[in-house]
C-alpha atoms as a PDB file:
ATOM      1  CA  MET A   1      15.101  20.686  10.643  1.00  0.00           C
ATOM      2  CA  ASP A   2      17.427  18.293  12.622  1.00  0.00           C
ATOM      3  CA  PHE A   3      18.341  15.104  10.900  1.00  0.00           C
ATOM      4  CA  ILE A   4      16.853  11.962  12.629  1.00  0.00           C
ATOM      5  CA  ASP A   5      18.574   8.605  11.887  1.00  0.00           C
ATOM      6  CA  TYR A   6      15.539   6.401  11.262  1.00  0.00           C
ATOM      7  CA  TYR A   7      17.653   3.358  11.168  1.00  0.00           C
ATOM      8  CA  LYS A   8      18.886   4.173  14.687  1.00  0.00           C
ATOM      9  CA  VAL A   9      15.411   4.955  15.978  1.00  0.00           C
ATOM     10  CA  LEU A  10      14.311   1.485  14.953  1.00  0.00           C
ATOM     11  CA  GLY A  11      17.650  -0.061  16.010  1.00  0.00           C
ATOM     12  CA  VAL A  12      18.274  -1.798  12.657  1.00  0.00           C
ATOM     13  CA  SER A  13      21.282  -1.566  10.171  1.00  0.00           C
ATOM     14  CA  LYS A  14      20.916   0.241   6.859  1.00  0.00           C
ATOM     15  CA  THR A  15      20.902  -3.143   5.045  1.00  0.00           C
ATOM     16  CA  ALA A  16      17.825  -4.433   7.185  1.00  0.00           C
ATOM     17  CA  THR A  17      15.044  -6.339   5.257  1.00  0.00           C
ATOM     18  CA  GLN A  18      11.521  -5.266   5.270  1.00  0.00           C
ATOM     19  CA  ASP A  19      10.669  -8.060   7.693  1.00  0.00           C
ATOM     20  CA  GLU A  20      13.380  -6.868  10.148  1.00  0.00           C
ATOM     21  CA  ILE A  21      12.100  -3.353   9.991  1.00  0.00           C
ATOM     22  CA  ARG A  22       8.461  -4.509  10.434  1.00  0.00           C
ATOM     23  CA  SER A  23       9.467  -6.753  13.391  1.00  0.00           C
ATOM     24  CA  ALA A  24      11.465  -3.995  15.090  1.00  0.00           C
ATOM     25  CA  TYR A  25       8.725  -1.440  14.577  1.00  0.00           C
ATOM     26  CA  ARG A  26       6.045  -3.616  16.261  1.00  0.00           C
ATOM     27  CA  LYS A  27       8.316  -4.503  19.264  1.00  0.00           C
ATOM     28  CA  LEU A  28       9.034  -0.829  19.751  1.00  0.00           C
ATOM     29  CA  ALA A  29       5.661   0.508  19.169  1.00  0.00           C
ATOM     30  CA  ARG A  30       4.143  -1.887  21.835  1.00  0.00           C
ATOM     31  CA  LYS A  31       6.811  -0.717  24.308  1.00  0.00           C
ATOM     32  CA  HIS A  32       6.381   2.834  23.897  1.00  0.00           C
ATOM     33  CA  HIS A  33       2.611   3.075  23.090  1.00  0.00           C
ATOM     34  CA  PRO A  34       0.966   6.095  24.862  1.00  0.00           C
ATOM     35  CA  ASP A  35      -1.708   3.745  26.253  1.00  0.00           C
ATOM     36  CA  LEU A  36       0.871   1.961  28.136  1.00  0.00           C
ATOM     37  CA  ASN A  37       2.873   5.063  29.064  1.00  0.00           C
ATOM     38  CA  PRO A  38       0.160   7.618  29.733  1.00  0.00           C
ATOM     39  CA  ASN A  39       2.283   9.994  31.703  1.00  0.00           C
ATOM     40  CA  ASP A  40       5.536   9.541  30.039  1.00  0.00           C
ATOM     41  CA  LYS A  41       6.331  12.470  27.664  1.00  0.00           C
ATOM     42  CA  GLU A  42       9.605  10.850  26.489  1.00  0.00           C
ATOM     43  CA  ALA A  43       7.765   7.703  25.693  1.00  0.00           C
ATOM     44  CA  ASN A  44       5.249   9.511  23.695  1.00  0.00           C
ATOM     45  CA  LYS A  45       7.962  11.482  21.787  1.00  0.00           C
ATOM     46  CA  LYS A  46       9.800   8.293  21.138  1.00  0.00           C
ATOM     47  CA  PHE A  47       6.527   6.622  19.863  1.00  0.00           C
ATOM     48  CA  GLN A  48       6.153   9.418  17.349  1.00  0.00           C
ATOM     49  CA  GLN A  49       9.705   8.950  16.125  1.00  0.00           C
ATOM     50  CA  ILE A  50       9.134   5.254  15.784  1.00  0.00           C
ATOM     51  CA  ASN A  51       6.088   5.856  13.692  1.00  0.00           C
ATOM     52  CA  GLU A  52       7.985   8.313  11.481  1.00  0.00           C
ATOM     53  CA  ALA A  53      10.894   5.943  11.038  1.00  0.00           C
ATOM     54  CA  ASN A  54       8.556   3.118  10.041  1.00  0.00           C
ATOM     55  CA  GLU A  55       6.534   5.232   7.659  1.00  0.00           C
ATOM     56  CA  VAL A  56       9.728   5.982   5.694  1.00  0.00           C
ATOM     57  CA  LEU A  57      11.722   2.692   5.965  1.00  0.00           C
ATOM     58  CA  SER A  58       8.740   0.386   5.247  1.00  0.00           C
ATOM     59  CA  ASP A  59       8.123   2.050   1.833  1.00  0.00           C
ATOM     60  CA  PRO A  60      10.841   1.129  -0.629  1.00  0.00           C
ATOM     61  CA  GLU A  61      10.428   4.300  -2.531  1.00  0.00           C
ATOM     62  CA  LYS A  62      10.592   6.686   0.474  1.00  0.00           C
ATOM     63  CA  ARG A  63      13.531   4.723   1.922  1.00  0.00           C
ATOM     64  CA  LYS A  64      15.435   5.082  -1.245  1.00  0.00           C
ATOM     65  CA  LYS A  65      14.802   8.980  -1.235  1.00  0.00           C
ATOM     66  CA  TYR A  66      15.769   9.025   2.481  1.00  0.00           C
ATOM     67  CA  ASP A  67      19.063   7.170   1.974  1.00  0.00           C
ATOM     68  CA  GLN A  68      20.044   9.549  -0.814  1.00  0.00           C
ATOM     69  CA  TYR A  69      18.788  12.841   0.534  1.00  0.00           C
ATOM     70  CA  GLY A  70      18.644  12.393   4.403  1.00  0.00           C
ATOM     71  CA  LYS A  71      16.470  15.037   6.119  1.00  0.00           C
ATOM     72  CA  ASP A  72      15.350  16.581   2.802  1.00  0.00           C
ATOM     73  CA  TRP A  73      13.945  13.149   1.333  1.00  0.00           C
ATOM     74  CA  GLN A  74      10.393  14.524   1.004  1.00  0.00           C
ATOM     75  CA  HIS A  75      11.620  17.143  -1.311  1.00  0.00           C
ATOM     76  CA  ALA A  76      13.685  14.889  -3.593  1.00  0.00           C
ATOM     77  CA  GLU A  77      11.454  15.455  -6.673  1.00  0.00           C
ATOM     78  CA  ALA A  78      11.788  19.188  -6.352  1.00  0.00           C
ATOM     79  CA  PHE A  79      15.496  18.904  -5.618  1.00  0.00           C
ATOM     80  CA  GLU A  80      16.211  16.789  -8.726  1.00  0.00           C
ATOM     81  CA  LYS A  81      14.081  18.995 -10.944  1.00  0.00           C
ATOM     82  CA  ALA A  82      15.687  22.010  -9.623  1.00  0.00           C
ATOM     83  CA  GLN A  83      19.192  20.432 -10.325  1.00  0.00           C
ATOM     84  CA  GLN A  84      18.100  19.747 -13.737  1.00  0.00           C
ATOM     85  CA  GLU A  85      16.726  23.149 -14.338  1.00  0.00           C
ATOM     86  CA  ALA A  86      20.057  24.630 -12.843  1.00  0.00           C
ATOM     87  CA  GLY A  87      22.067  22.531 -15.285  1.00  0.00           C
ATOM     88  CA  ARG A  88      20.051  23.818 -18.208  1.00  0.00           C
ATOM     89  CA  GLN A  89      20.503  27.382 -17.004  1.00  0.00           C
ATOM     90  CA  SER A  90      24.289  27.012 -16.734  1.00  0.00           C
ATOM     91  CA  ARG A  91      24.444  25.579 -20.232  1.00  0.00           C
ATOM     92  CA  ARG A  92      22.463  28.425 -21.489  1.00  0.00           C
ATOM     93  CA  GLY A  93      24.462  31.182 -19.972  1.00  0.00           C
ATOM     94  CA  ALA A  94      25.573  32.381 -16.592  1.00  0.00           C
ATOM     95  CA  GLY A  95      23.479  34.472 -14.229  1.00  0.00           C
ATOM     96  CA  ARG A  96      20.086  33.215 -15.325  1.00  0.00           C
ATOM     97  CA  ASN A  97      17.592  32.376 -12.636  1.00  0.00           C
ATOM     98  CA  PRO A  98      16.643  28.686 -12.464  1.00  0.00           C
ATOM     99  CA  PHE A  99      13.154  29.728 -10.905  1.00  0.00           C
ATOM    100  CA  GLY A 100      12.330  31.973 -13.966  1.00  0.00           C
ATOM    101  CA  GLY A 101      12.552  35.597 -14.629  1.00  0.00           C
ATOM    102  CA  GLY A 102      14.911  35.359 -17.633  1.00  0.00           C
ATOM    103  CA  GLU A 103      14.565  34.106 -21.037  1.00  0.00           C
ATOM    104  CA  GLY A 104      14.208  30.281 -21.118  1.00  0.00           C
ATOM    105  CA  GLY A 105      13.817  30.221 -17.446  1.00  0.00           C
ATOM    106  CA  GLY A 106      12.263  27.149 -15.834  1.00  0.00           C
ATOM    107  CA  THR A 107       8.865  26.833 -14.052  1.00  0.00           C
ATOM    108  CA  PHE A 108       7.816  24.903 -10.869  1.00  0.00           C
ATOM    109  CA  THR A 109       4.216  23.861 -10.599  1.00  0.00           C
ATOM    110  CA  SER A 110       1.971  23.454  -7.537  1.00  0.00           C
ATOM    111  CA  GLU A 111       2.770  19.617  -7.923  1.00  0.00           C
ATOM    112  CA  ASP A 112       6.286  20.391  -6.838  1.00  0.00           C
ATOM    113  CA  PHE A 113       5.351  22.647  -3.931  1.00  0.00           C
ATOM    114  CA  GLU A 114       2.940  25.373  -2.848  1.00  0.00           C
ATOM    115  CA  GLN A 115       4.019  28.894  -2.419  1.00  0.00           C
ATOM    116  CA  GLY A 116       3.641  30.779   0.957  1.00  0.00           C
ATOM    117  CA  ASP A 117       4.918  33.928   2.473  1.00  0.00           C
ATOM    118  CA  GLY A 118       8.453  34.753   3.724  1.00  0.00           C
ATOM    119  CA  GLY A 119      11.985  34.130   2.440  1.00  0.00           C
ATOM    120  CA  PHE A 120      13.659  30.987   0.974  1.00  0.00           C
ATOM    121  CA  SER A 121      13.184  27.684   2.775  1.00  0.00           C
ATOM    122  CA  ASP A 122      16.103  25.982   4.465  1.00  0.00           C
ATOM    123  CA  PHE A 123      15.945  23.401   1.799  1.00  0.00           C
ATOM    124  CA  PHE A 124      16.096  25.678  -1.280  1.00  0.00           C
ATOM    125  CA  GLU A 125      18.878  27.936   0.525  1.00  0.00           C
ATOM    126  CA  SER A 126      20.967  24.741   0.928  1.00  0.00           C
ATOM    127  CA  LEU A 127      20.288  23.992  -2.781  1.00  0.00           C
ATOM    128  CA  PHE A 128      21.370  27.286  -4.250  1.00  0.00           C
ATOM    129  CA  GLY A 129      23.505  28.584  -1.306  1.00  0.00           C
ATOM    130  CA  GLY A 130      21.046  31.285  -0.424  1.00  0.00           C
ATOM    131  CA  SER A 131      22.094  33.481  -3.473  1.00  0.00           C
ATOM    132  CA  GLY A 132      19.018  32.731  -5.689  1.00  0.00           C
ATOM    133  CA  ARG A 133      16.611  35.567  -6.153  1.00  0.00           C
ATOM    134  CA  ARG A 134      13.280  35.168  -4.223  1.00  0.00           C
ATOM    135  CA  SER A 135      10.232  34.386  -6.411  1.00  0.00           C
ATOM    136  CA  ALA A 136       7.282  36.663  -6.082  1.00  0.00           C
ATOM    137  CA  GLY A 137       5.453  33.928  -4.185  1.00  0.00           C
ATOM    138  CA  GLY A 138       8.122  33.547  -1.364  1.00  0.00           C
ATOM    139  CA  ASN A 139       8.621  30.483   0.635  1.00  0.00           C
ATOM    140  CA  ALA A 140       7.899  27.021  -0.600  1.00  0.00           C
ATOM    141  CA  ARG A 141       5.247  25.201   1.410  1.00  0.00           C
ATOM    142  CA  PHE A 142       5.415  21.493   1.936  1.00  0.00           C
ATOM    143  CA  ARG A 143       2.973  18.932   3.076  1.00  0.00           C
ATOM    144  CA  GLY A 144       3.741  17.279   6.296  1.00  0.00           C
ATOM    145  CA  GLN A 145       4.844  13.689   6.670  1.00  0.00           C
ATOM    146  CA  ASP A 146       2.252  10.947   6.979  1.00  0.00           C
ATOM    147  CA  TYR A 147       2.280   8.858  10.284  1.00  0.00           C
ATOM    148  CA  GLN A 148       1.643   5.208  10.482  1.00  0.00           C
ATOM    149  CA  ALA A 149       0.430   3.380  13.686  1.00  0.00           C
ATOM    150  CA  GLU A 150      -0.932   0.100  14.897  1.00  0.00           C
ATOM    151  CA  LEU A 151      -3.826  -0.233  17.159  1.00  0.00           C
ATOM    152  CA  GLN A 152      -4.176  -3.577  19.001  1.00  0.00           C
ATOM    153  CA  LEU A 153      -7.760  -4.886  19.516  1.00  0.00           C
ATOM    154  CA  SER A 154      -9.179  -8.079  20.947  1.00  0.00           C
ATOM    155  CA  LEU A 155     -11.685 -10.019  18.908  1.00  0.00           C
ATOM    156  CA  THR A 156     -14.568  -8.971  21.069  1.00  0.00           C
ATOM    157  CA  GLU A 157     -13.376  -5.355  20.885  1.00  0.00           C
ATOM    158  CA  ALA A 158     -13.519  -5.514  17.144  1.00  0.00           C
ATOM    159  CA  ALA A 159     -16.883  -6.952  17.389  1.00  0.00           C
ATOM    160  CA  ALA A 160     -18.525  -3.933  18.839  1.00  0.00           C
ATOM    161  CA  THR A 161     -18.541  -0.242  17.799  1.00  0.00           C
ATOM    162  CA  HIS A 162     -16.588   1.701  20.412  1.00  0.00           C
ATOM    163  CA  GLN A 163     -14.528   4.884  20.993  1.00  0.00           C
ATOM    164  CA  ARG A 164     -10.787   5.013  21.552  1.00  0.00           C
ATOM    165  CA  VAL A 165      -8.613   7.989  22.447  1.00  0.00           C
ATOM    166  CA  LEU A 166      -5.259   8.225  20.688  1.00  0.00           C
ATOM    167  CA  THR A 167      -2.361  10.648  21.578  1.00  0.00           C
ATOM    168  CA  VAL A 168      -0.717  12.061  18.561  1.00  0.00           C
ATOM    169  CA  ASN A 169       1.830  14.817  18.742  1.00  0.00           C
ATOM    170  CA  GLY A 170       0.649  15.501  22.287  1.00  0.00           C
ATOM    171  CA  LYS A 171      -2.916  15.837  21.203  1.00  0.00           C
ATOM    172  CA  ASN A 172      -5.715  13.417  22.148  1.00  0.00           C
ATOM    173  CA  ILE A 173      -7.849  12.249  19.259  1.00  0.00           C
ATOM    174  CA  ARG A 174     -11.090  10.505  19.831  1.00  0.00           C
ATOM    175  CA  ILE A 175     -11.937   7.995  17.137  1.00  0.00           C
ATOM    176  CA  THR A 176     -14.975   5.620  16.592  1.00  0.00           C
ATOM    177  CA  ILE A 177     -14.100   2.068  15.635  1.00  0.00           C
ATOM    178  CA  PRO A 178     -17.025   0.555  13.720  1.00  0.00           C
ATOM    179  CA  ALA A 179     -17.880  -3.006  14.527  1.00  0.00           C
ATOM    180  CA  GLY A 180     -16.481  -5.614  12.096  1.00  0.00           C
ATOM    181  CA  VAL A 181     -13.181  -4.167  11.370  1.00  0.00           C
ATOM    182  CA  ALA A 182     -10.640  -6.730   9.919  1.00  0.00           C
ATOM    183  CA  ASN A 183      -7.247  -7.701  11.037  1.00  0.00           C
ATOM    184  CA  GLY A 184      -4.827  -5.602   9.117  1.00  0.00           C
ATOM    185  CA  GLN A 185      -7.493  -3.001   7.920  1.00  0.00           C
ATOM    186  CA  VAL A 186      -6.181   0.517   7.637  1.00  0.00           C
ATOM    187  CA  ILE A 187      -8.061   3.731   8.117  1.00  0.00           C
ATOM    188  CA  LYS A 188      -6.837   7.416   7.470  1.00  0.00           C
ATOM    189  CA  LEU A 189      -7.221  10.286   9.826  1.00  0.00           C
ATOM    190  CA  LYS A 190      -6.818  13.286   7.486  1.00  0.00           C
ATOM    191  CA  GLY A 191      -4.602  16.037   8.878  1.00  0.00           C
ATOM    192  CA  HIS A 192      -3.358  14.127  11.954  1.00  0.00           C
ATOM    193  CA  GLY A 193       0.259  13.415  10.689  1.00  0.00           C
ATOM    194  CA  ALA A 194       3.310  15.700  11.010  1.00  0.00           C
ATOM    195  CA  PRO A 195       2.933  19.535  10.560  1.00  0.00           C
ATOM    196  CA  GLY A 196       3.477  20.970   7.191  1.00  0.00           C
ATOM    197  CA  ALA A 197       6.361  23.084   6.504  1.00  0.00           C
ATOM    198  CA  ASN A 198       6.166  26.959   6.027  1.00  0.00           C
ATOM    199  CA  GLY A 199       2.355  26.724   6.421  1.00  0.00           C
ATOM    200  CA  GLY A 200       1.856  23.787   4.147  1.00  0.00           C
ATOM    201  CA  PRO A 201      -1.002  21.181   4.898  1.00  0.00           C
ATOM    202  CA  ASP A 202      -0.407  18.526   7.777  1.00  0.00           C
ATOM    203  CA  GLY A 203       0.194  15.033   6.785  1.00  0.00           C
ATOM    204  CA  ASP A 204      -2.269  12.206   7.414  1.00  0.00           C
ATOM    205  CA  LEU A 205      -2.404   9.434  10.121  1.00  0.00           C
ATOM    206  CA  TYR A 206      -2.792   5.893   8.859  1.00  0.00           C
ATOM    207  CA  ILE A 207      -3.987   3.341  11.565  1.00  0.00           C
ATOM    208  CA  THR A 208      -3.581  -0.379  10.933  1.00  0.00           C
ATOM    209  CA  PHE A 209      -5.830  -2.605  13.238  1.00  0.00           C
ATOM    210  CA  ILE A 210      -4.122  -5.665  14.691  1.00  0.00           C
ATOM    211  CA  ILE A 211      -6.725  -8.281  15.982  1.00  0.00           C
ATOM    212  CA  GLY A 212      -5.410 -10.822  18.355  1.00  0.00           C
ATOM    213  CA  ASP A 213      -6.410 -14.439  18.488  1.00  0.00           C
ATOM    214  CA  ASP A 214      -9.205 -15.558  20.785  1.00  0.00           C
ATOM    215  CA  PRO A 215      -9.297 -18.748  22.743  1.00  0.00           C
ATOM    216  CA  ARG A 216     -12.865 -19.406  22.045  1.00  0.00           C
ATOM    217  CA  TRP A 217     -13.565 -18.423  18.383  1.00  0.00           C
ATOM    218  CA  THR A 218     -11.685 -18.494  15.222  1.00  0.00           C
ATOM    219  CA  ARG A 219     -12.785 -15.684  12.779  1.00  0.00           C
ATOM    220  CA  GLU A 220     -13.123 -16.562   8.984  1.00  0.00           C
ATOM    221  CA  GLY A 221     -14.373 -13.297   7.300  1.00  0.00           C
ATOM    222  CA  ASP A 222     -17.699 -12.671   8.978  1.00  0.00           C
ATOM    223  CA  ASP A 223     -18.225 -16.181  10.283  1.00  0.00           C
ATOM    224  CA  LEU A 224     -16.925 -17.609  13.443  1.00  0.00           C
ATOM    225  CA  ARG A 225     -15.991 -21.171  14.326  1.00  0.00           C
ATOM    226  CA  MET A 226     -15.575 -22.868  17.747  1.00  0.00           C
ATOM    227  CA  ASN A 227     -15.176 -26.193  19.346  1.00  0.00           C
ATOM    228  CA  ALA A 228     -17.639 -27.066  22.115  1.00  0.00           C
ATOM    229  CA  PRO A 229     -17.266 -30.107  24.395  1.00  0.00           C
ATOM    230  CA  LEU A 230     -20.325 -32.476  24.672  1.00  0.00           C
ATOM    231  CA  ASP A 231     -20.556 -35.214  27.136  1.00  0.00           C
ATOM    232  CA  LEU A 232     -21.067 -38.758  25.967  1.00  0.00           C
ATOM    233  CA  TYR A 233     -24.513 -39.210  27.490  1.00  0.00           C
ATOM    234  CA  THR A 234     -26.071 -36.298  25.798  1.00  0.00           C
ATOM    235  CA  ALA A 235     -24.565 -37.149  22.553  1.00  0.00           C
ATOM    236  CA  VAL A 236     -25.986 -40.675  22.950  1.00  0.00           C
ATOM    237  CA  LEU A 237     -29.405 -39.898  24.448  1.00  0.00           C
ATOM    238  CA  GLY A 238     -29.969 -36.265  23.067  1.00  0.00           C
ATOM    239  CA  GLY A 239     -30.651 -33.245  25.065  1.00  0.00           C
ATOM    240  CA  GLU A 240     -29.246 -29.719  25.300  1.00  0.00           C
ATOM    241  CA  SER A 241     -25.838 -28.191  25.434  1.00  0.00           C
ATOM    242  CA  THR A 242     -24.875 -24.562  26.324  1.00  0.00           C
ATOM    243  CA  VAL A 243     -22.438 -22.755  24.223  1.00  0.00           C
ATOM    244  CA  GLU A 244     -21.036 -19.185  24.330  1.00  0.00           C
ATOM    245  CA  THR A 245     -21.585 -16.695  21.610  1.00  0.00           C
ATOM    246  CA  LEU A 246     -20.476 -13.032  21.075  1.00  0.00           C
ATOM    247  CA  ASN A 247     -23.831 -11.922  22.399  1.00  0.00           C
ATOM    248  CA  GLY A 248     -24.051 -14.312  25.388  1.00  0.00           C
ATOM    249  CA  LYS A 249     -24.868 -18.082  26.015  1.00  0.00           C
ATOM    250  CA  VAL A 250     -27.277 -19.990  23.930  1.00  0.00           C
ATOM    251  CA  LYS A 251     -28.754 -23.516  24.183  1.00  0.00           C
ATOM    252  CA  LEU A 252     -28.223 -26.119  21.466  1.00  0.00           C
ATOM    253  CA  LYS A 253     -30.632 -28.990  20.902  1.00  0.00           C
ATOM    254  CA  ILE A 254     -28.722 -32.188  20.545  1.00  0.00           C
ATOM    255  CA  LYS A 255     -30.225 -35.013  18.717  1.00  0.00           C
ATOM    256  CA  PRO A 256     -29.895 -38.610  19.963  1.00  0.00           C
ATOM    257  CA  GLY A 257     -26.946 -40.456  18.531  1.00  0.00           C
ATOM    258  CA  THR A 258     -24.901 -37.250  17.568  1.00  0.00           C
ATOM    259  CA  ALA A 259     -21.441 -38.184  16.166  1.00  0.00           C
ATOM    260  CA  ASN A 260     -18.276 -36.766  17.327  1.00  0.00           C
ATOM    261  CA  GLY A 261     -17.171 -33.813  15.146  1.00  0.00           C
ATOM    262  CA  THR A 262     -20.774 -32.907  14.084  1.00  0.00           C
ATOM    263  CA  THR A 263     -20.957 -29.138  13.218  1.00  0.00           C
ATOM    264  CA  VAL A 264     -23.970 -27.173  14.216  1.00  0.00           C
ATOM    265  CA  ARG A 265     -24.663 -23.722  12.456  1.00  0.00           C
ATOM    266  CA  LEU A 266     -26.080 -20.850  14.437  1.00  0.00           C
ATOM    267  CA  LYS A 267     -27.204 -18.303  11.818  1.00  0.00           C
ATOM    268  CA  GLY A 268     -26.482 -14.756  12.575  1.00  0.00           C
ATOM    269  CA  LYS A 269     -24.536 -15.548  15.626  1.00  0.00           C
ATOM    270  CA  GLY A 270     -21.103 -14.812  13.991  1.00  0.00           C
ATOM    271  CA  PHE A 271     -18.959 -11.624  13.532  1.00  0.00           C
ATOM    272  CA  PRO A 272     -20.782  -8.310  12.761  1.00  0.00           C
ATOM    273  CA  VAL A 273     -20.419  -7.173   8.961  1.00  0.00           C
ATOM    274  CA  TYR A 274     -18.431  -4.011   8.733  1.00  0.00           C
ATOM    275  CA  LYS A 275     -20.609  -0.909   8.484  1.00  0.00           C
ATOM    276  CA  GLU A 276     -23.784  -2.930   7.919  1.00  0.00           C
ATOM    277  CA  GLU A 277     -25.751  -2.418  11.211  1.00  0.00           C
ATOM    278  CA  GLY A 278     -27.733  -5.469  12.330  1.00  0.00           C
ATOM    279  CA  LYS A 279     -26.047  -7.887  10.089  1.00  0.00           C
ATOM    280  CA  SER A 280     -23.644 -10.717  11.152  1.00  0.00           C
ATOM    281  CA  GLY A 281     -22.099 -13.782   9.846  1.00  0.00           C
ATOM    282  CA  ASP A 282     -22.787 -17.327  11.220  1.00  0.00           C
ATOM    283  CA  LEU A 283     -21.298 -19.349  14.150  1.00  0.00           C
ATOM    284  CA  TYR A 284     -20.166 -22.904  13.388  1.00  0.00           C
ATOM    285  CA  VAL A 285     -20.102 -25.135  16.529  1.00  0.00           C
ATOM    286  CA  HIS A 286     -17.987 -28.165  16.151  1.00  0.00           C
ATOM    287  CA  LEU A 287     -19.055 -30.736  18.798  1.00  0.00           C
ATOM    288  CA  ASP A 288     -16.250 -32.692  20.496  1.00  0.00           C
ATOM    289  CA  ILE A 289     -17.615 -35.609  22.583  1.00  0.00           C
ATOM    290  CA  GLN A 290     -15.841 -36.133  25.797  1.00  0.00           C
ATOM    291  CA  ILE A 291     -15.153 -39.776  26.676  1.00  0.00           C
ATOM    292  CA  PRO A 292     -15.501 -40.291  30.422  1.00  0.00           C
ATOM    293  CA  THR A 293     -12.323 -41.201  32.405  1.00  0.00           C
ATOM    294  CA  ASN A 294     -11.632 -42.481  35.871  1.00  0.00           C
ATOM    295  CA  LEU A 295     -14.625 -44.778  35.977  1.00  0.00           C
ATOM    296  CA  THR A 296     -15.704 -46.497  39.127  1.00  0.00           C
ATOM    297  CA  GLU A 297     -16.215 -50.162  39.376  1.00  0.00           C
ATOM    298  CA  LYS A 298     -19.972 -49.705  39.194  1.00  0.00           C
ATOM    299  CA  GLU A 299     -19.683 -47.585  36.046  1.00  0.00           C
ATOM    300  CA  LYS A 300     -17.388 -50.067  34.321  1.00  0.00           C
ATOM    301  CA  GLU A 301     -19.795 -52.761  35.152  1.00  0.00           C
ATOM    302  CA  LEU A 302     -22.664 -50.744  33.605  1.00  0.00           C
ATOM    303  CA  PHE A 303     -20.676 -50.288  30.401  1.00  0.00           C
ATOM    304  CA  LEU A 304     -19.886 -53.913  30.312  1.00  0.00           C
ATOM    305  CA  GLN A 305     -23.595 -54.690  30.504  1.00  0.00           C
ATOM    306  CA  LEU A 306     -24.238 -52.156  27.706  1.00  0.00           C
ATOM    307  CA  LYS A 307     -21.590 -53.795  25.587  1.00  0.00           C
ATOM    308  CA  HIS A 308     -23.155 -57.169  25.942  1.00  0.00           C
ATOM    309  CA  LEU A 309     -26.597 -55.887  25.087  1.00  0.00           C
ATOM    310  CA  ARG A 310     -25.196 -54.327  21.933  1.00  0.00           C
ATOM    311  CA  GLN A 311     -23.499 -57.508  20.718  1.00  0.00           C
END
């Protein structure tokens, strides 16, 4: 397997902080996302490398192993265990097999790797110089690397169950996004990560939802808040005012003498509750009374008359 410099892929230094890595990943992921480059195979390949790099460098433990072992970072535990066993064997006597077969020989469990057919893997050949005796099981099988990706959604998209098509490893994957997903929520698509080595299982794909701000509503859990303008005359005399909700426009009944900043609660008009069909939070409408400007002389005269009547 060719070595990929994940630091170079993200355009950061080896001393980059987690914030710098996160920022670089998001910038590049948006630029090379398959949805924005549907017919660009190079962009798709670049997007996969970006996700691989972020998956490793954003995890302190994986990053440490990558810095130490390079392309073989995923096999670090088996590498270290094999080194320890080789050391014990050399101390017990020359010529003994670190994979067992001789008295006192070490044993590797399925927690370290799974066994498949064929010869030594490149990793173990590099470890023992290809001179070790093949075990009865043959090649070691390793699970594929997990991928991490971000999926951008608007607030209104996140409020409705819908399908999206993602392109991973050149394959289109159709997923259903339930209404009510939260900003930063992560879902796992099993088996859609990097292919396993030597017949091992494929890795998984982790998708983080990024929900953008909306100019109309602010989300607070399952509730929504909004500011709605209200003309002075309706606030004073009472009447109706139309406001926009996720499900269309509704009319509010305004009581006479409504004060500026009054909050009206619309039950069940908020954000859908995740995986609870038919259930939604509430919408809180904050009334913002608009003071008339650019009054005509006649209007000023009428306001003066009102002022004198109130004194």
